[in-house]
Amino acid sequence: MGIDVILEMSGNPIAIKQAFESLRPGGRFSILGIPDKPMEIDLGKDIILNIL
């Protein structure tokens, strides 16, 4: 279970991380807000595992 579609507009790195964790497997995620500093995304954990 999880959220089907997430539109993240704040650009806050904490909100982006929480949104990835809330996404259902196969869900869609759009980052529309721009973070004010560089951030890391763990592709293996946050993206690839959520696709399955």
C-alpha atoms as a PDB file:
ATOM      1  CA  MET A   1       0.000   0.000   0.000  1.00  0.00           C
ATOM      2  CA  GLY A   2       0.990   3.592  -0.370  1.00  0.00           C
ATOM      3  CA  ILE A   3       0.227   6.716  -2.342  1.00  0.00           C
ATOM      4  CA  ASP A   4      -0.456   6.350  -6.093  1.00  0.00           C
ATOM      5  CA  VAL A   5       0.665   9.813  -7.258  1.00  0.00           C
ATOM      6  CA  ILE A   6       2.759  12.390  -5.401  1.00  0.00           C
ATOM      7  CA  LEU A   7       3.336  15.974  -6.549  1.00  0.00           C
ATOM      8  CA  GLU A   8       5.995  17.434  -4.246  1.00  0.00           C
ATOM      9  CA  MET A   9       6.058  21.215  -4.571  1.00  0.00           C
ATOM     10  CA  SER A  10       7.907  22.488  -1.510  1.00  0.00           C
ATOM     11  CA  GLY A  11      11.417  21.488  -2.563  1.00  0.00           C
ATOM     12  CA  ASN A  12      12.147  20.612   1.055  1.00  0.00           C
ATOM     13  CA  PRO A  13      14.593  17.642   1.160  1.00  0.00           C
ATOM     14  CA  ILE A  14      12.851  16.146   4.214  1.00  0.00           C
ATOM     15  CA  ALA A  15       9.457  16.316   2.477  1.00  0.00           C
ATOM     16  CA  ILE A  16      10.932  14.738  -0.667  1.00  0.00           C
ATOM     17  CA  LYS A  17      12.388  11.848   1.354  1.00  0.00           C
ATOM     18  CA  GLN A  18       9.109  11.318   3.221  1.00  0.00           C
ATOM     19  CA  ALA A  19       7.191  11.370  -0.047  1.00  0.00           C
ATOM     20  CA  PHE A  20       9.442   8.671  -1.558  1.00  0.00           C
ATOM     21  CA  GLU A  21       8.860   6.541   1.529  1.00  0.00           C
ATOM     22  CA  SER A  22       5.068   6.981   1.178  1.00  0.00           C
ATOM     23  CA  LEU A  23       4.930   6.058  -2.513  1.00  0.00           C
ATOM     24  CA  ARG A  24       3.367   2.708  -3.389  1.00  0.00           C
ATOM     25  CA  PRO A  25       5.295   0.244  -5.565  1.00  0.00           C
ATOM     26  CA  GLY A  26       4.797   1.398  -9.159  1.00  0.00           C
ATOM     27  CA  GLY A  27       3.536   4.816  -8.017  1.00  0.00           C
ATOM     28  CA  ARG A  28       4.382   8.084  -9.757  1.00  0.00           C
ATOM     29  CA  PHE A  29       6.412  10.876  -8.197  1.00  0.00           C
ATOM     30  CA  SER A  30       6.961  14.391  -9.531  1.00  0.00           C
ATOM     31  CA  ILE A  31       9.335  16.798  -7.820  1.00  0.00           C
ATOM     32  CA  LEU A  32       8.062  20.220  -8.843  1.00  0.00           C
ATOM     33  CA  GLY A  33       9.705  22.310  -6.120  1.00  0.00           C
ATOM     34  CA  ILE A  34      13.400  23.083  -6.386  1.00  0.00           C
ATOM     35  CA  PRO A  35      15.537  22.329  -3.303  1.00  0.00           C
ATOM     36  CA  ASP A  36      17.647  25.303  -2.203  1.00  0.00           C
ATOM     37  CA  LYS A  37      20.768  23.107  -1.966  1.00  0.00           C
ATOM     38  CA  PRO A  38      21.942  19.828  -3.531  1.00  0.00           C
ATOM     39  CA  MET A  39      20.458  16.659  -2.081  1.00  0.00           C
ATOM     40  CA  GLU A  40      21.079  12.953  -2.479  1.00  0.00           C
ATOM     41  CA  ILE A  41      18.528  10.368  -3.546  1.00  0.00           C
ATOM     42  CA  ASP A  42      19.304   6.691  -2.934  1.00  0.00           C
ATOM     43  CA  LEU A  43      18.296   5.290  -6.330  1.00  0.00           C
ATOM     44  CA  GLY A  44      18.485   1.688  -5.166  1.00  0.00           C
ATOM     45  CA  LYS A  45      16.244   2.181  -2.171  1.00  0.00           C
ATOM     46  CA  ASP A  46      13.992   5.066  -3.136  1.00  0.00           C
ATOM     47  CA  ILE A  47      13.369   4.465  -6.825  1.00  0.00           C
ATOM     48  CA  ILE A  48      14.246   0.958  -7.980  1.00  0.00           C
ATOM     49  CA  LEU A  49      12.658  -0.854  -5.025  1.00  0.00           C
ATOM     50  CA  ASN A  50       9.458   1.210  -5.347  1.00  0.00           C
ATOM     51  CA  ILE A  51       9.019   0.190  -8.987  1.00  0.00           C
ATOM     52  CA  LEU A  52       8.676  -3.495  -8.128  1.00  0.00           C
END
